[in-house]
Every structure is written in structure tokens, then in C-alpha cells.
Amino acid sequence: MIKVLEVLLMLTASAYASETEVIDKADTLWVLISTTFVLFMLPGLAIFYTGMVRAKNTL
């Protein structure tokens, strides 16, 4: 079983080794911008949900 996994791992590694992918700067920028949006969204969502419950149930 382990030999089969080793062979499969070598086959997939060799398949990806032949392709050279370049990291696109626009994709990286989009991920960073999206992450920033999510980080700003989370406190706003927490404030929104806090307003939906009674004051004694909030932190």
C-alpha cells in the first residue's frame, strides 16, 4: 500500500514539475484586497449581531 502511494506521489510530482507557473501579481493583489475587505467586515458584522440581541447577552 505504501509503495502505491509513493508511486502516485512521484507521478503527480513529476506532472507538476514540468509546468512552470508564474505567480500573477494581479491575483495576489486581489487576494490581499479581498482579505482586507473581510477583516473590515467582521467587526461590522459583530456590531450588527450585537444589536439584534438583548444587552444582558452581550460581552
C-alpha atoms as a PDB file:
ATOM      1  CA  MET A   1       0.000   0.000   0.000  1.00  0.00           C
ATOM      2  CA  ILE A   2       2.806   2.406   0.857  1.00  0.00           C
ATOM      3  CA  LYS A   3       4.587   1.633  -2.412  1.00  0.00           C
ATOM      4  CA  VAL A   4       1.426   2.511  -4.333  1.00  0.00           C
ATOM      5  CA  LEU A   5       1.201   5.845  -2.532  1.00  0.00           C
ATOM      6  CA  GLU A   6       4.871   6.561  -3.235  1.00  0.00           C
ATOM      7  CA  VAL A   7       4.397   5.833  -6.940  1.00  0.00           C
ATOM      8  CA  LEU A   8       1.296   8.036  -7.112  1.00  0.00           C
ATOM      9  CA  LEU A   9       3.126  10.818  -5.324  1.00  0.00           C
ATOM     10  CA  MET A  10       6.044  10.605  -7.740  1.00  0.00           C
ATOM     11  CA  LEU A  11       3.706  10.632 -10.749  1.00  0.00           C
ATOM     12  CA  THR A  12       1.837  13.704  -9.578  1.00  0.00           C
ATOM     13  CA  ALA A  13       5.047  15.472  -8.596  1.00  0.00           C
ATOM     14  CA  SER A  14       6.594  14.830 -11.998  1.00  0.00           C
ATOM     15  CA  ALA A  15       3.448  16.042 -13.744  1.00  0.00           C
ATOM     16  CA  TYR A  16       3.594  19.350 -11.903  1.00  0.00           C
ATOM     17  CA  ALA A  17       7.361  19.683 -12.193  1.00  0.00           C
ATOM     18  CA  SER A  18       7.189  20.040 -15.969  1.00  0.00           C
ATOM     19  CA  GLU A  19       4.864  23.058 -15.746  1.00  0.00           C
ATOM     20  CA  THR A  20       6.347  26.345 -14.662  1.00  0.00           C
ATOM     21  CA  GLU A  21       3.707  28.679 -13.352  1.00  0.00           C
ATOM     22  CA  VAL A  22       4.357  32.327 -12.770  1.00  0.00           C
ATOM     23  CA  ILE A  23       2.610  33.981  -9.854  1.00  0.00           C
ATOM     24  CA  ASP A  24       0.419  36.704 -11.276  1.00  0.00           C
ATOM     25  CA  LYS A  25       0.685  39.997  -9.392  1.00  0.00           C
ATOM     26  CA  ALA A  26      -2.937  40.876 -10.115  1.00  0.00           C
ATOM     27  CA  ASP A  27      -4.136  37.630  -8.495  1.00  0.00           C
ATOM     28  CA  THR A  28      -2.011  38.290  -5.430  1.00  0.00           C
ATOM     29  CA  LEU A  29      -3.330  41.845  -5.192  1.00  0.00           C
ATOM     30  CA  TRP A  30      -6.918  40.631  -5.478  1.00  0.00           C
ATOM     31  CA  VAL A  31      -6.423  38.136  -2.634  1.00  0.00           C
ATOM     32  CA  LEU A  32      -4.913  40.843  -0.422  1.00  0.00           C
ATOM     33  CA  ILE A  33      -7.742  43.286  -1.176  1.00  0.00           C
ATOM     34  CA  SER A  34     -10.369  40.614  -0.519  1.00  0.00           C
ATOM     35  CA  THR A  35      -8.702  39.706   2.770  1.00  0.00           C
ATOM     36  CA  THR A  36      -8.747  43.372   3.798  1.00  0.00           C
ATOM     37  CA  PHE A  37     -12.451  43.617   2.989  1.00  0.00           C
ATOM     38  CA  VAL A  38     -13.208  40.552   5.094  1.00  0.00           C
ATOM     39  CA  LEU A  39     -11.157  41.857   8.015  1.00  0.00           C
ATOM     40  CA  PHE A  40     -13.092  45.141   7.940  1.00  0.00           C
ATOM     41  CA  MET A  41     -16.391  43.318   7.540  1.00  0.00           C
ATOM     42  CA  LEU A  42     -16.063  41.078  10.605  1.00  0.00           C
ATOM     43  CA  PRO A  43     -16.274  43.813  13.302  1.00  0.00           C
ATOM     44  CA  GLY A  44     -19.241  45.382  11.499  1.00  0.00           C
ATOM     45  CA  LEU A  45     -20.981  42.031  11.421  1.00  0.00           C
ATOM     46  CA  ALA A  46     -20.295  41.573  15.133  1.00  0.00           C
ATOM     47  CA  ILE A  47     -21.791  45.001  15.877  1.00  0.00           C
ATOM     48  CA  PHE A  48     -24.813  44.158  13.740  1.00  0.00           C
ATOM     49  CA  TYR A  49     -25.420  40.870  15.540  1.00  0.00           C
ATOM     50  CA  THR A  50     -24.887  42.528  18.934  1.00  0.00           C
ATOM     51  CA  GLY A  51     -27.707  44.928  18.119  1.00  0.00           C
ATOM     52  CA  MET A  52     -30.034  42.002  17.476  1.00  0.00           C
ATOM     53  CA  VAL A  53     -29.782  40.553  20.990  1.00  0.00           C
ATOM     54  CA  ARG A  54     -30.602  41.899  24.422  1.00  0.00           C
ATOM     55  CA  ALA A  55     -27.966  43.890  26.268  1.00  0.00           C
ATOM     56  CA  LYS A  56     -27.571  41.303  29.028  1.00  0.00           C
ATOM     57  CA  ASN A  57     -26.419  38.700  26.439  1.00  0.00           C
ATOM     58  CA  THR A  58     -23.570  40.776  25.005  1.00  0.00           C
ATOM     59  CA  LEU A  59     -19.970  40.790  26.179  1.00  0.00           C
END
